[in-house]
Protein backbone atom coordinates (compact mmCIF):
# COMPACT_ATOMS: atom_id res chain seq x y z
CA MET A 1 191.48 43.26 88.55
CA PRO A 2 189.69 44.52 85.42
CA ASN A 3 190.58 42.93 82.10
CA PRO A 4 192.26 45.43 79.73
CA ASN A 5 191.45 43.39 76.63
CA LEU A 6 187.72 42.79 76.32
CA SER A 7 186.48 41.93 72.84
CA VAL A 8 183.40 43.26 71.08
CA LYS A 9 181.65 39.99 71.99
CA ASP A 10 182.59 40.41 75.67
CA VAL A 11 181.25 43.97 75.77
CA ALA A 12 178.05 42.96 73.96
CA ARG A 13 177.39 40.30 76.60
CA LYS A 14 178.28 42.65 79.44
CA ILE A 15 175.86 45.39 78.38
CA GLY A 16 173.19 43.20 76.78
CA LYS A 17 173.45 44.46 73.20
CA SER A 18 174.28 42.77 69.91
CA GLU A 19 177.83 42.78 68.53
CA TRP A 20 176.61 44.83 65.58
CA GLY A 21 175.11 47.34 68.02
CA ILE A 22 178.53 47.65 69.66
CA TYR A 23 180.14 48.40 66.29
CA LEU A 24 177.48 51.02 65.56
CA ALA A 25 178.03 52.59 68.99
CA LEU A 26 181.79 52.69 68.34
CA LYS A 27 181.23 54.35 64.97
CA ALA A 28 179.02 56.95 66.68
CA GLY A 29 181.64 57.55 69.38
CA LEU A 30 179.39 56.32 72.18
CA LEU A 31 181.70 53.67 73.66
CA PRO A 32 185.27 53.91 74.99
CA GLY A 33 187.42 51.50 73.00
CA TYR A 34 190.57 51.29 70.94
CA LYS A 35 191.37 49.70 67.62
CA LEU A 36 194.45 47.52 67.23
CA PRO A 37 196.61 47.79 64.08
CA SER A 38 194.99 44.54 62.93
CA GLY A 39 191.59 46.32 62.92
CA VAL A 40 190.24 44.46 65.96
CA TRP A 41 188.49 46.52 68.63
CA ARG A 42 189.42 46.10 72.30
CA PHE A 43 188.05 47.59 75.50
CA ASP A 44 189.35 48.14 79.01
CA GLU A 45 186.90 46.57 81.45
CA GLY A 46 187.41 49.36 83.99
CA GLU A 47 186.53 51.98 81.37
CA ILE A 48 183.45 50.01 80.30
CA ASP A 49 182.35 49.65 83.95
CA SER A 50 182.78 53.41 84.49
CA TRP A 51 180.95 54.16 81.25
CA LEU A 52 178.07 51.85 82.29
CA ALA A 53 177.82 53.52 85.70
CA SER A 54 177.64 56.99 84.15
CA CYS A 55 175.09 55.82 81.59
CA ARG A 56 172.85 54.30 84.24
CA LYS A 57 172.90 57.56 86.19
CA SER A 58 171.95 59.59 83.13
CA GLY A 59 169.74 57.03 81.35
CA ARG A 60 171.99 56.93 78.26
CA THR A 61 172.12 53.13 77.86
CA ALA A 62 168.81 53.25 76.01
CA ARG A 63 170.42 55.42 73.33
CA LEU A 64 172.78 52.71 72.10
CA PRO A 65 171.87 51.50 68.64
CA GLU A 66 169.32 48.70 68.56
CA VAL A 67 169.86 46.06 65.93
CA ASN A 68 167.68 43.04 65.30
CA PRO A 69 169.81 40.08 64.18
């Protein structure tokens, strides 16, 4: 069963990007996620898996922000 509460760190590991890149992608509206009242971002694993599948089909994963730590 997919995890409904992935963190930014979890998503960064899953898609192979930096945490900062995830925040930039969220700001640009490129990733499906939701912000808790505390300001912490969370992600539904099923939505991230669907998003990844659609990106791979269209080649969009390369358009996520690249950040060098």
